[in-house]
Amino acid sequence: MSRGVVWHGDRVLGEVQGQMKQNMTRACLHLRGVVINSIGEPGPPAGPPSAKGDPPHKRTGTLRRSIDWEVSPSGLEGRVGTNLEYGRHLEKGTRTMAMRPYLRPALDKEQRRIVAILAGKG
């Protein structure tokens, strides 16, 4: 009597992709929280800007509210950031304004934690 082989590849692939997407979502949400918290303490609207190289101060809260995230349908790619034009200027600087990065330092600081979340251990 021969036994047939049953292939469950599609089901297994779906489960793996679902877990990957769930882990990527958790990683993006974690990083989003860190980014939001990294934007400095509230200051008066007319107060001085943050120091060169430090994350921006919170003035109106618009930048903090704009920090969003998305995960690709495959779960292999996640993004955290803002669509505000001045958000890019703060992160990278301009010819007339020094950088006040808040995205890359948060990612660098949380890299181990994010890797653990993606591995399903965090």
PDB file of N, CA and C in Angstrom:
ATOM      1  N   MET A   1       0.843  -1.167   0.000  1.00  0.00           N
ATOM      2  CA  MET A   1       0.000   0.000   0.000  1.00  0.00           C
ATOM      3  C   MET A   1       0.897   1.242   0.000  1.00  0.00           C
ATOM      4  N   SER A   2       0.708   2.109  -0.967  1.00  0.00           N
ATOM      5  CA  SER A   2       1.522   3.323  -1.040  1.00  0.00           C
ATOM      6  C   SER A   2       0.779   4.487  -0.397  1.00  0.00           C
ATOM      7  N   ARG A   3       1.543   5.310   0.194  1.00  0.00           N
ATOM      8  CA  ARG A   3       0.967   6.510   0.820  1.00  0.00           C
ATOM      9  C   ARG A   3       1.181   7.695  -0.101  1.00  0.00           C
ATOM     10  N   GLY A   4       0.167   8.493  -0.242  1.00  0.00           N
ATOM     11  CA  GLY A   4       0.283   9.697  -1.053  1.00  0.00           C
ATOM     12  C   GLY A   4       0.893  10.829  -0.244  1.00  0.00           C
ATOM     13  N   VAL A   5       1.585  11.675  -0.903  1.00  0.00           N
ATOM     14  CA  VAL A   5       2.160  12.857  -0.266  1.00  0.00           C
ATOM     15  C   VAL A   5       1.157  13.989  -0.398  1.00  0.00           C
ATOM     16  N   VAL A   6       0.896  14.634   0.733  1.00  0.00           N
ATOM     17  CA  VAL A   6      -0.032  15.758   0.728  1.00  0.00           C
ATOM     18  C   VAL A   6       0.787  17.033   0.856  1.00  0.00           C
ATOM     19  N   TRP A   7       0.632  17.906  -0.077  1.00  0.00           N
ATOM     20  CA  TRP A   7       1.383  19.168  -0.103  1.00  0.00           C
ATOM     21  C   TRP A   7       0.546  20.272   0.528  1.00  0.00           C
ATOM     22  N   HIS A   8       1.089  20.891   1.548  1.00  0.00           N
ATOM     23  CA  HIS A   8       0.398  21.977   2.239  1.00  0.00           C
ATOM     24  C   HIS A   8       1.125  23.305   2.035  1.00  0.00           C
ATOM     25  N   GLY A   9       1.867  23.392   0.968  1.00  0.00           N
ATOM     26  CA  GLY A   9       2.694  24.566   0.721  1.00  0.00           C
ATOM     27  C   GLY A   9       1.939  25.875   0.728  1.00  0.00           C
ATOM     28  N   ASP A  10       0.791  25.912   0.079  1.00  0.00           N
ATOM     29  CA  ASP A  10       0.028  27.161   0.019  1.00  0.00           C
ATOM     30  C   ASP A  10      -0.448  27.589   1.405  1.00  0.00           C
ATOM     31  N   ARG A  11      -0.904  26.630   2.196  1.00  0.00           N
ATOM     32  CA  ARG A  11      -1.370  26.946   3.545  1.00  0.00           C
ATOM     33  C   ARG A  11      -0.207  27.422   4.414  1.00  0.00           C
ATOM     34  N   VAL A  12       0.924  26.706   4.311  1.00  0.00           N
ATOM     35  CA  VAL A  12       2.095  27.077   5.104  1.00  0.00           C
ATOM     36  C   VAL A  12       2.606  28.453   4.677  1.00  0.00           C
ATOM     37  N   LEU A  13       2.684  28.689   3.390  1.00  0.00           N
ATOM     38  CA  LEU A  13       3.135  29.986   2.891  1.00  0.00           C
ATOM     39  C   LEU A  13       2.225  31.099   3.387  1.00  0.00           C
ATOM     40  N   GLY A  14       0.919  30.882   3.355  1.00  0.00           N
ATOM     41  CA  GLY A  14      -0.025  31.881   3.859  1.00  0.00           C
ATOM     42  C   GLY A  14       0.173  32.161   5.334  1.00  0.00           C
ATOM     43  N   GLU A  15       0.418  31.118   6.110  1.00  0.00           N
ATOM     44  CA  GLU A  15       0.650  31.304   7.543  1.00  0.00           C
ATOM     45  C   GLU A  15       1.952  32.058   7.806  1.00  0.00           C
ATOM     46  N   VAL A  16       2.988  31.724   7.058  1.00  0.00           N
ATOM     47  CA  VAL A  16       4.281  32.409   7.225  1.00  0.00           C
ATOM     48  C   VAL A  16       4.145  33.877   6.838  1.00  0.00           C
ATOM     49  N   GLN A  17       3.511  34.149   5.712  1.00  0.00           N
ATOM     50  CA  GLN A  17       3.334  35.538   5.293  1.00  0.00           C
ATOM     51  C   GLN A  17       2.473  36.315   6.285  1.00  0.00           C
ATOM     52  N   GLY A  18       1.460  35.682   6.816  1.00  0.00           N
ATOM     53  CA  GLY A  18       0.624  36.344   7.818  1.00  0.00           C
ATOM     54  C   GLY A  18       1.416  36.694   9.067  1.00  0.00           C
ATOM     55  N   GLN A  19       2.279  35.766   9.508  1.00  0.00           N
ATOM     56  CA  GLN A  19       3.105  36.027  10.686  1.00  0.00           C
ATOM     57  C   GLN A  19       4.127  37.125  10.392  1.00  0.00           C
ATOM     58  N   MET A  20       4.700  37.120   9.187  1.00  0.00           N
ATOM     59  CA  MET A  20       5.656  38.158   8.807  1.00  0.00           C
ATOM     60  C   MET A  20       4.987  39.524   8.818  1.00  0.00           C
ATOM     61  N   LYS A  21       3.787  39.594   8.273  1.00  0.00           N
ATOM     62  CA  LYS A  21       3.072  40.870   8.225  1.00  0.00           C
ATOM     63  C   LYS A  21       2.713  41.334   9.638  1.00  0.00           C
ATOM     64  N   GLN A  22       2.317  40.415  10.485  1.00  0.00           N
ATOM     65  CA  GLN A  22       1.996  40.764  11.871  1.00  0.00           C
ATOM     66  C   GLN A  22       3.241  41.285  12.591  1.00  0.00           C
ATOM     67  N   ASN A  23       4.364  40.621  12.412  1.00  0.00           N
ATOM     68  CA  ASN A  23       5.601  41.063  13.052  1.00  0.00           C
ATOM     69  C   ASN A  23       6.060  42.415  12.514  1.00  0.00           C
ATOM     70  N   MET A  24       5.941  42.613  11.206  1.00  0.00           N
ATOM     71  CA  MET A  24       6.340  43.893  10.617  1.00  0.00           C
ATOM     72  C   MET A  24       5.429  45.008  11.132  1.00  0.00           C
ATOM     73  N   THR A  25       4.156  44.727  11.268  1.00  0.00           N
ATOM     74  CA  THR A  25       3.218  45.716  11.810  1.00  0.00           C
ATOM     75  C   THR A  25       3.620  46.092  13.231  1.00  0.00           C
ATOM     76  N   ARG A  26       3.930  45.103  14.052  1.00  0.00           N
ATOM     77  CA  ARG A  26       4.353  45.370  15.430  1.00  0.00           C
ATOM     78  C   ARG A  26       5.641  46.187  15.453  1.00  0.00           C
ATOM     79  N   ALA A  27       6.577  45.871  14.555  1.00  0.00           N
ATOM     80  CA  ALA A  27       7.846  46.610  14.501  1.00  0.00           C
ATOM     81  C   ALA A  27       7.601  48.064  14.091  1.00  0.00           C
ATOM     82  N   CYS A  28       6.734  48.275  13.106  1.00  0.00           N
ATOM     83  CA  CYS A  28       6.433  49.638  12.659  1.00  0.00           C
ATOM     84  C   CYS A  28       5.743  50.437  13.760  1.00  0.00           C
ATOM     85  N   LEU A  29       4.809  49.823  14.446  1.00  0.00           N
ATOM     86  CA  LEU A  29       4.118  50.517  15.535  1.00  0.00           C
ATOM     87  C   LEU A  29       5.090  50.871  16.661  1.00  0.00           C
ATOM     88  N   HIS A  30       5.998  49.967  16.961  1.00  0.00           N
ATOM     89  CA  HIS A  30       7.004  50.242  17.990  1.00  0.00           C
ATOM     90  C   HIS A  30       7.877  51.430  17.576  1.00  0.00           C
ATOM     91  N   LEU A  31       8.387  51.370  16.342  1.00  0.00           N
ATOM     92  CA  LEU A  31       9.259  52.446  15.868  1.00  0.00           C
ATOM     93  C   LEU A  31       8.506  53.770  15.804  1.00  0.00           C
ATOM     94  N   ARG A  32       7.268  53.745  15.375  1.00  0.00           N
ATOM     95  CA  ARG A  32       6.461  54.973  15.326  1.00  0.00           C
ATOM     96  C   ARG A  32       6.385  55.611  16.713  1.00  0.00           C
ATOM     97  N   GLY A  33       6.146  54.809  17.720  1.00  0.00           N
ATOM     98  CA  GLY A  33       6.091  55.335  19.082  1.00  0.00           C
ATOM     99  C   GLY A  33       7.400  55.952  19.526  1.00  0.00           C
ATOM    100  N   VAL A  34       8.497  55.303  19.185  1.00  0.00           N
ATOM    101  CA  VAL A  34       9.816  55.834  19.547  1.00  0.00           C
ATOM    102  C   VAL A  34      10.066  57.158  18.828  1.00  0.00           C
ATOM    103  N   VAL A  35       9.722  57.219  17.538  1.00  0.00           N
ATOM    104  CA  VAL A  35       9.910  58.453  16.764  1.00  0.00           C
ATOM    105  C   VAL A  35       9.086  59.586  17.372  1.00  0.00           C
ATOM    106  N   ILE A  36       7.823  59.319  17.655  1.00  0.00           N
ATOM    107  CA  ILE A  36       6.952  60.353  18.227  1.00  0.00           C
ATOM    108  C   ILE A  36       7.521  60.849  19.546  1.00  0.00           C
ATOM    109  N   ASN A  37       7.975  59.929  20.378  1.00  0.00           N
ATOM    110  CA  ASN A  37       8.529  60.324  21.676  1.00  0.00           C
ATOM    111  C   ASN A  37       9.870  61.042  21.549  1.00  0.00           C
ATOM    112  N   SER A  38      10.567  60.833  20.441  1.00  0.00           N
ATOM    113  CA  SER A  38      11.878  61.481  20.274  1.00  0.00           C
ATOM    114  C   SER A  38      11.759  62.957  19.910  1.00  0.00           C
ATOM    115  N   ILE A  39      10.605  63.340  19.377  1.00  0.00           N
ATOM    116  CA  ILE A  39      10.415  64.750  19.028  1.00  0.00           C
ATOM    117  C   ILE A  39      10.309  65.507  20.339  1.00  0.00           C
ATOM    118  N   GLY A  40      11.228  66.431  20.534  1.00  0.00           N
ATOM    119  CA  GLY A  40      11.476  67.050  21.821  1.00  0.00           C
ATOM    120  C   GLY A  40      10.276  67.540  22.593  1.00  0.00           C
ATOM    121  N   GLU A  41      10.587  67.945  23.786  1.00  0.00           N
ATOM    122  CA  GLU A  41       9.581  68.458  24.706  1.00  0.00           C
ATOM    123  C   GLU A  41       8.892  69.678  24.116  1.00  0.00           C
ATOM    124  N   PRO A  42       7.642  69.857  24.480  1.00  0.00           N
ATOM    125  CA  PRO A  42       6.926  71.033  23.983  1.00  0.00           C
ATOM    126  C   PRO A  42       7.635  72.318  24.396  1.00  0.00           C
ATOM    127  N   GLY A  43       7.676  73.213  23.491  1.00  0.00           N
ATOM    128  CA  GLY A  43       8.252  74.521  23.768  1.00  0.00           C
ATOM    129  C   GLY A  43       7.309  75.595  23.290  1.00  0.00           C
ATOM    130  N   PRO A  44       7.538  76.810  23.688  1.00  0.00           N
ATOM    131  CA  PRO A  44       6.666  77.889  23.211  1.00  0.00           C
ATOM    132  C   PRO A  44       6.817  78.052  21.706  1.00  0.00           C
ATOM    133  N   PRO A  45       5.734  78.382  21.027  1.00  0.00           N
ATOM    134  CA  PRO A  45       5.803  78.525  19.576  1.00  0.00           C
ATOM    135  C   PRO A  45       6.897  79.485  19.110  1.00  0.00           C
ATOM    136  N   ALA A  46       7.205  80.483  19.908  1.00  0.00           N
ATOM    137  CA  ALA A  46       8.235  81.439  19.496  1.00  0.00           C
ATOM    138  C   ALA A  46       9.580  81.114  20.119  1.00  0.00           C
ATOM    139  N   GLY A  47       9.682  79.983  20.825  1.00  0.00           N
ATOM    140  CA  GLY A  47      10.930  79.617  21.494  1.00  0.00           C
ATOM    141  C   GLY A  47      12.021  79.243  20.502  1.00  0.00           C
ATOM    142  N   PRO A  48      13.216  79.019  21.016  1.00  0.00           N
ATOM    143  CA  PRO A  48      14.331  78.687  20.122  1.00  0.00           C
ATOM    144  C   PRO A  48      14.154  77.285  19.542  1.00  0.00           C
ATOM    145  N   PRO A  49      14.705  77.065  18.358  1.00  0.00           N
ATOM    146  CA  PRO A  49      14.640  75.720  17.783  1.00  0.00           C
ATOM    147  C   PRO A  49      15.546  74.778  18.569  1.00  0.00           C
ATOM    148  N   SER A  50      15.389  73.494  18.342  1.00  0.00           N
ATOM    149  CA  SER A  50      16.258  72.527  18.994  1.00  0.00           C
ATOM    150  C   SER A  50      17.692  72.741  18.514  1.00  0.00           C
ATOM    151  N   ALA A  51      18.624  72.217  19.270  1.00  0.00           N
ATOM    152  CA  ALA A  51      20.042  72.353  18.908  1.00  0.00           C
ATOM    153  C   ALA A  51      20.339  71.546  17.646  1.00  0.00           C
ATOM    154  N   LYS A  52      21.300  72.024  16.900  1.00  0.00           N
ATOM    155  CA  LYS A  52      21.746  71.338  15.684  1.00  0.00           C
ATOM    156  C   LYS A  52      22.083  69.882  16.011  1.00  0.00           C
ATOM    157  N   GLY A  53      21.507  68.965  15.251  1.00  0.00           N
ATOM    158  CA  GLY A  53      21.751  67.546  15.446  1.00  0.00           C
ATOM    159  C   GLY A  53      20.790  66.869  16.410  1.00  0.00           C
ATOM    160  N   ASP A  54      20.042  67.638  17.203  1.00  0.00           N
ATOM    161  CA  ASP A  54      19.047  67.080  18.116  1.00  0.00           C
ATOM    162  C   ASP A  54      17.711  66.961  17.408  1.00  0.00           C
ATOM    163  N   PRO A  55      16.838  66.061  17.882  1.00  0.00           N
ATOM    164  CA  PRO A  55      15.495  65.992  17.287  1.00  0.00           C
ATOM    165  C   PRO A  55      14.778  67.328  17.441  1.00  0.00           C
ATOM    166  N   PRO A  56      13.840  67.606  16.556  1.00  0.00           N
ATOM    167  CA  PRO A  56      13.137  68.887  16.640  1.00  0.00           C
ATOM    168  C   PRO A  56      12.300  68.991  17.910  1.00  0.00           C
ATOM    169  N   HIS A  57      12.121  70.208  18.368  1.00  0.00           N
ATOM    170  CA  HIS A  57      11.213  70.463  19.485  1.00  0.00           C
ATOM    171  C   HIS A  57       9.781  70.355  18.993  1.00  0.00           C
ATOM    172  N   LYS A  58       8.912  69.973  19.888  1.00  0.00           N
ATOM    173  CA  LYS A  58       7.486  69.985  19.562  1.00  0.00           C
ATOM    174  C   LYS A  58       7.004  71.422  19.694  1.00  0.00           C
ATOM    175  N   ARG A  59       6.438  71.939  18.647  1.00  0.00           N
ATOM    176  CA  ARG A  59       5.895  73.300  18.685  1.00  0.00           C
ATOM    177  C   ARG A  59       4.376  73.253  18.630  1.00  0.00           C
ATOM    178  N   THR A  60       3.843  72.747  17.522  1.00  0.00           N
ATOM    179  CA  THR A  60       2.386  72.689  17.360  1.00  0.00           C
ATOM    180  C   THR A  60       1.861  71.266  17.482  1.00  0.00           C
ATOM    181  N   GLY A  61       2.733  70.285  17.388  1.00  0.00           N
ATOM    182  CA  GLY A  61       2.322  68.886  17.424  1.00  0.00           C
ATOM    183  C   GLY A  61       1.994  68.314  16.059  1.00  0.00           C
ATOM    184  N   THR A  62       2.065  69.136  15.006  1.00  0.00           N
ATOM    185  CA  THR A  62       1.715  68.676  13.659  1.00  0.00           C
ATOM    186  C   THR A  62       2.653  67.567  13.197  1.00  0.00           C
ATOM    187  N   LEU A  63       3.945  67.738  13.401  1.00  0.00           N
ATOM    188  CA  LEU A  63       4.895  66.710  12.978  1.00  0.00           C
ATOM    189  C   LEU A  63       4.623  65.398  13.718  1.00  0.00           C
ATOM    190  N   ARG A  64       4.448  65.476  15.020  1.00  0.00           N
ATOM    191  CA  ARG A  64       4.166  64.261  15.800  1.00  0.00           C
ATOM    192  C   ARG A  64       2.902  63.574  15.309  1.00  0.00           C
ATOM    193  N   ARG A  65       1.862  64.333  15.048  1.00  0.00           N
ATOM    194  CA  ARG A  65       0.598  63.746  14.576  1.00  0.00           C
ATOM    195  C   ARG A  65       0.726  63.155  13.178  1.00  0.00           C
ATOM    196  N   SER A  66       1.680  63.638  12.402  1.00  0.00           N
ATOM    197  CA  SER A  66       1.820  63.172  11.023  1.00  0.00           C
ATOM    198  C   SER A  66       2.623  61.881  10.896  1.00  0.00           C
ATOM    199  N   ILE A  67       3.283  61.454  11.964  1.00  0.00           N
ATOM    200  CA  ILE A  67       4.096  60.241  11.880  1.00  0.00           C
ATOM    201  C   ILE A  67       3.159  59.056  11.690  1.00  0.00           C
ATOM    202  N   ASP A  68       3.356  58.349  10.597  1.00  0.00           N
ATOM    203  CA  ASP A  68       2.475  57.251  10.236  1.00  0.00           C
ATOM    204  C   ASP A  68       3.308  56.043   9.836  1.00  0.00           C
ATOM    205  N   TRP A  69       2.673  54.955   9.551  1.00  0.00           N
ATOM    206  CA  TRP A  69       3.371  53.733   9.178  1.00  0.00           C
ATOM    207  C   TRP A  69       2.542  52.977   8.156  1.00  0.00           C
ATOM    208  N   GLU A  70       3.224  52.087   7.429  1.00  0.00           N
ATOM    209  CA  GLU A  70       2.533  51.195   6.501  1.00  0.00           C
ATOM    210  C   GLU A  70       3.377  49.946   6.320  1.00  0.00           C
ATOM    211  N   VAL A  71       2.706  48.859   5.992  1.00  0.00           N
ATOM    212  CA  VAL A  71       3.363  47.581   5.739  1.00  0.00           C
ATOM    213  C   VAL A  71       2.929  47.119   4.359  1.00  0.00           C
ATOM    214  N   SER A  72       3.886  46.618   3.586  1.00  0.00           N
ATOM    215  CA  SER A  72       3.571  46.114   2.249  1.00  0.00           C
ATOM    216  C   SER A  72       2.669  44.884   2.357  1.00  0.00           C
ATOM    217  N   PRO A  73       1.925  44.578   1.302  1.00  0.00           N
ATOM    218  CA  PRO A  73       1.043  43.406   1.336  1.00  0.00           C
ATOM    219  C   PRO A  73       1.781  42.103   1.661  1.00  0.00           C
ATOM    220  N   SER A  74       3.026  41.994   1.252  1.00  0.00           N
ATOM    221  CA  SER A  74       3.798  40.775   1.533  1.00  0.00           C
ATOM    222  C   SER A  74       4.280  40.719   2.981  1.00  0.00           C
ATOM    223  N   GLY A  75       4.308  41.866   3.646  1.00  0.00           N
ATOM    224  CA  GLY A  75       4.840  41.920   5.005  1.00  0.00           C
ATOM    225  C   GLY A  75       6.346  42.015   5.056  1.00  0.00           C
ATOM    226  N   LEU A  76       6.983  42.117   3.901  1.00  0.00           N
ATOM    227  CA  LEU A  76       8.445  42.172   3.850  1.00  0.00           C
ATOM    228  C   LEU A  76       9.001  43.581   4.006  1.00  0.00           C
ATOM    229  N   GLU A  77       8.159  44.569   3.845  1.00  0.00           N
ATOM    230  CA  GLU A  77       8.622  45.954   3.901  1.00  0.00           C
ATOM    231  C   GLU A  77       7.687  46.776   4.774  1.00  0.00           C
ATOM    232  N   GLY A  78       8.295  47.570   5.655  1.00  0.00           N
ATOM    233  CA  GLY A  78       7.532  48.475   6.486  1.00  0.00           C
ATOM    234  C   GLY A  78       8.133  49.864   6.415  1.00  0.00           C
ATOM    235  N   ARG A  79       7.296  50.863   6.531  1.00  0.00           N
ATOM    236  CA  ARG A  79       7.757  52.249   6.478  1.00  0.00           C
ATOM    237  C   ARG A  79       7.166  53.028   7.645  1.00  0.00           C
ATOM    238  N   VAL A  80       7.992  53.886   8.211  1.00  0.00           N
ATOM    239  CA  VAL A  80       7.557  54.808   9.255  1.00  0.00           C
ATOM    240  C   VAL A  80       8.062  56.175   8.852  1.00  0.00           C
ATOM    241  N   GLY A  81       7.224  57.174   8.877  1.00  0.00           N
ATOM    242  CA  GLY A  81       7.671  58.513   8.499  1.00  0.00           C
ATOM    243  C   GLY A  81       6.516  59.483   8.419  1.00  0.00           C
ATOM    244  N   THR A  82       6.768  60.571   7.731  1.00  0.00           N
ATOM    245  CA  THR A  82       5.784  61.633   7.574  1.00  0.00           C
ATOM    246  C   THR A  82       5.711  62.036   6.111  1.00  0.00           C
ATOM    247  N   ASN A  83       4.577  62.567   5.716  1.00  0.00           N
ATOM    248  CA  ASN A  83       4.458  63.102   4.364  1.00  0.00           C
ATOM    249  C   ASN A  83       4.587  64.627   4.362  1.00  0.00           C
ATOM    250  N   LEU A  84       4.903  65.212   5.504  1.00  0.00           N
ATOM    251  CA  LEU A  84       5.097  66.660   5.570  1.00  0.00           C
ATOM    252  C   LEU A  84       6.435  67.032   4.942  1.00  0.00           C
ATOM    253  N   GLU A  85       6.408  68.008   4.068  1.00  0.00           N
ATOM    254  CA  GLU A  85       7.628  68.455   3.392  1.00  0.00           C
ATOM    255  C   GLU A  85       8.690  68.877   4.393  1.00  0.00           C
ATOM    256  N   TYR A  86       8.292  69.621   5.425  1.00  0.00           N
ATOM    257  CA  TYR A  86       9.301  70.104   6.366  1.00  0.00           C
ATOM    258  C   TYR A  86       9.844  68.975   7.238  1.00  0.00           C
ATOM    259  N   GLY A  87       9.152  67.843   7.286  1.00  0.00           N
ATOM    260  CA  GLY A  87       9.678  66.690   8.012  1.00  0.00           C
ATOM    261  C   GLY A  87      10.972  66.204   7.400  1.00  0.00           C
ATOM    262  N   ARG A  88      11.040  66.195   6.077  1.00  0.00           N
ATOM    263  CA  ARG A  88      12.270  65.806   5.380  1.00  0.00           C
ATOM    264  C   ARG A  88      13.365  66.840   5.617  1.00  0.00           C
ATOM    265  N   HIS A  89      12.990  68.117   5.618  1.00  0.00           N
ATOM    266  CA  HIS A  89      13.987  69.174   5.859  1.00  0.00           C
ATOM    267  C   HIS A  89      14.576  69.054   7.259  1.00  0.00           C
ATOM    268  N   LEU A  90      13.737  68.747   8.232  1.00  0.00           N
ATOM    269  CA  LEU A  90      14.246  68.571   9.592  1.00  0.00           C
ATOM    270  C   LEU A  90      15.191  67.379   9.670  1.00  0.00           C
ATOM    271  N   GLU A  91      14.818  66.284   9.051  1.00  0.00           N
ATOM    272  CA  GLU A  91      15.624  65.056   9.107  1.00  0.00           C
ATOM    273  C   GLU A  91      16.964  65.226   8.406  1.00  0.00           C
ATOM    274  N   LYS A  92      16.954  65.803   7.227  1.00  0.00           N
ATOM    275  CA  LYS A  92      18.156  65.875   6.393  1.00  0.00           C
ATOM    276  C   LYS A  92      18.858  67.229   6.412  1.00  0.00           C
ATOM    277  N   GLY A  93      18.156  68.269   6.859  1.00  0.00           N
ATOM    278  CA  GLY A  93      18.722  69.612   6.806  1.00  0.00           C
ATOM    279  C   GLY A  93      18.556  70.214   5.424  1.00  0.00           C
ATOM    280  N   THR A  94      18.868  71.495   5.325  1.00  0.00           N
ATOM    281  CA  THR A  94      18.840  72.201   4.039  1.00  0.00           C
ATOM    282  C   THR A  94      20.119  73.026   3.953  1.00  0.00           C
ATOM    283  N   ARG A  95      20.243  73.783   2.897  1.00  0.00           N
ATOM    284  CA  ARG A  95      21.433  74.646   2.788  1.00  0.00           C
ATOM    285  C   ARG A  95      21.478  75.695   3.889  1.00  0.00           C
ATOM    286  N   THR A  96      20.315  76.070   4.394  1.00  0.00           N
ATOM    287  CA  THR A  96      20.270  77.133   5.402  1.00  0.00           C
ATOM    288  C   THR A  96      19.863  76.651   6.793  1.00  0.00           C
ATOM    289  N   MET A  97      19.555  75.356   6.927  1.00  0.00           N
ATOM    290  CA  MET A  97      19.111  74.844   8.228  1.00  0.00           C
ATOM    291  C   MET A  97      19.849  73.544   8.541  1.00  0.00           C
ATOM    292  N   ALA A  98      20.369  73.462   9.747  1.00  0.00           N
ATOM    293  CA  ALA A  98      21.064  72.252  10.176  1.00  0.00           C
ATOM    294  C   ALA A  98      20.081  71.097  10.360  1.00  0.00           C
ATOM    295  N   MET A  99      20.599  69.896  10.241  1.00  0.00           N
ATOM    296  CA  MET A  99      19.781  68.699  10.444  1.00  0.00           C
ATOM    297  C   MET A  99      19.272  68.638  11.881  1.00  0.00           C
ATOM    298  N   ARG A 100      18.058  68.162  12.012  1.00  0.00           N
ATOM    299  CA  ARG A 100      17.467  67.852  13.315  1.00  0.00           C
ATOM    300  C   ARG A 100      16.803  66.482  13.174  1.00  0.00           C
ATOM    301  N   PRO A 101      17.647  65.446  13.023  1.00  0.00           N
ATOM    302  CA  PRO A 101      17.114  64.117  12.697  1.00  0.00           C
ATOM    303  C   PRO A 101      16.306  63.513  13.833  1.00  0.00           C
ATOM    304  N   TYR A 102      15.265  62.823  13.459  1.00  0.00           N
ATOM    305  CA  TYR A 102      14.389  62.153  14.420  1.00  0.00           C
ATOM    306  C   TYR A 102      13.995  60.755  13.954  1.00  0.00           C
ATOM    307  N   LEU A 103      14.100  60.464  12.663  1.00  0.00           N
ATOM    308  CA  LEU A 103      13.747  59.149  12.144  1.00  0.00           C
ATOM    309  C   LEU A 103      14.931  58.173  12.226  1.00  0.00           C
ATOM    310  N   ARG A 104      16.036  58.530  11.603  1.00  0.00           N
ATOM    311  CA  ARG A 104      17.194  57.633  11.570  1.00  0.00           C
ATOM    312  C   ARG A 104      17.733  57.340  12.971  1.00  0.00           C
ATOM    313  N   PRO A 105      17.862  58.330  13.867  1.00  0.00           N
ATOM    314  CA  PRO A 105      18.353  58.004  15.216  1.00  0.00           C
ATOM    315  C   PRO A 105      17.428  57.032  15.952  1.00  0.00           C
ATOM    316  N   ALA A 106      16.125  57.162  15.745  1.00  0.00           N
ATOM    317  CA  ALA A 106      15.194  56.238  16.397  1.00  0.00           C
ATOM    318  C   ALA A 106      15.378  54.824  15.857  1.00  0.00           C
ATOM    319  N   LEU A 107      15.543  54.705  14.546  1.00  0.00           N
ATOM    320  CA  LEU A 107      15.765  53.395  13.937  1.00  0.00           C
ATOM    321  C   LEU A 107      17.076  52.801  14.431  1.00  0.00           C
ATOM    322  N   ASP A 108      18.130  53.603  14.461  1.00  0.00           N
ATOM    323  CA  ASP A 108      19.426  53.110  14.932  1.00  0.00           C
ATOM    324  C   ASP A 108      19.347  52.654  16.388  1.00  0.00           C
ATOM    325  N   LYS A 109      18.692  53.445  17.214  1.00  0.00           N
ATOM    326  CA  LYS A 109      18.573  53.140  18.639  1.00  0.00           C
ATOM    327  C   LYS A 109      17.789  51.851  18.874  1.00  0.00           C
ATOM    328  N   GLU A 110      16.776  51.599  18.063  1.00  0.00           N
ATOM    329  CA  GLU A 110      15.867  50.476  18.273  1.00  0.00           C
ATOM    330  C   GLU A 110      16.146  49.273  17.375  1.00  0.00           C
ATOM    331  N   GLN A 111      17.285  49.273  16.701  1.00  0.00           N
ATOM    332  CA  GLN A 111      17.562  48.226  15.723  1.00  0.00           C
ATOM    333  C   GLN A 111      17.471  46.817  16.323  1.00  0.00           C
ATOM    334  N   ARG A 112      18.076  46.591  17.460  1.00  0.00           N
ATOM    335  CA  ARG A 112      18.034  45.244  18.064  1.00  0.00           C
ATOM    336  C   ARG A 112      16.605  44.839  18.428  1.00  0.00           C
ATOM    337  N   ARG A 113      15.876  45.775  18.987  1.00  0.00           N
ATOM    338  CA  ARG A 113      14.487  45.488  19.373  1.00  0.00           C
ATOM    339  C   ARG A 113      13.645  45.173  18.143  1.00  0.00           C
ATOM    340  N   ILE A 114      13.849  45.911  17.076  1.00  0.00           N
ATOM    341  CA  ILE A 114      13.093  45.686  15.848  1.00  0.00           C
ATOM    342  C   ILE A 114      13.426  44.317  15.246  1.00  0.00           C
ATOM    343  N   VAL A 115      14.692  43.967  15.244  1.00  0.00           N
ATOM    344  CA  VAL A 115      15.093  42.652  14.742  1.00  0.00           C
ATOM    345  C   VAL A 115      14.424  41.549  15.569  1.00  0.00           C
ATOM    346  N   ALA A 116      14.381  41.735  16.890  1.00  0.00           N
ATOM    347  CA  ALA A 116      13.737  40.739  17.748  1.00  0.00           C
ATOM    348  C   ALA A 116      12.238  40.641  17.440  1.00  0.00           C
ATOM    349  N   ILE A 117      11.588  41.780  17.242  1.00  0.00           N
ATOM    350  CA  ILE A 117      10.154  41.761  16.904  1.00  0.00           C
ATOM    351  C   ILE A 117       9.932  41.044  15.582  1.00  0.00           C
ATOM    352  N   LEU A 118      10.763  41.340  14.580  1.00  0.00           N
ATOM    353  CA  LEU A 118      10.618  40.705  13.276  1.00  0.00           C
ATOM    354  C   LEU A 118      10.857  39.205  13.353  1.00  0.00           C
ATOM    355  N   ALA A 119      11.726  38.781  14.276  1.00  0.00           N
ATOM    356  CA  ALA A 119      12.013  37.359  14.457  1.00  0.00           C
ATOM    357  C   ALA A 119      10.959  36.665  15.308  1.00  0.00           C
ATOM    358  N   GLY A 120       9.974  37.439  15.793  1.00  0.00           N
ATOM    359  CA  GLY A 120       8.924  36.867  16.613  1.00  0.00           C
ATOM    360  C   GLY A 120       9.339  36.654  18.057  1.00  0.00           C
ATOM    361  N   LYS A 121      10.407  37.326  18.486  1.00  0.00           N
ATOM    362  CA  LYS A 121      10.921  37.173  19.845  1.00  0.00           C
ATOM    363  C   LYS A 121      10.737  38.409  20.687  1.00  0.00           C
ATOM    364  N   GLY A 122      10.050  39.388  20.163  1.00  0.00           N
ATOM    365  CA  GLY A 122       9.961  40.635  20.910  1.00  0.00           C
ATOM    366  C   GLY A 122       8.573  41.114  21.152  1.00  0.00           C
TER     367      GLY A 122
END
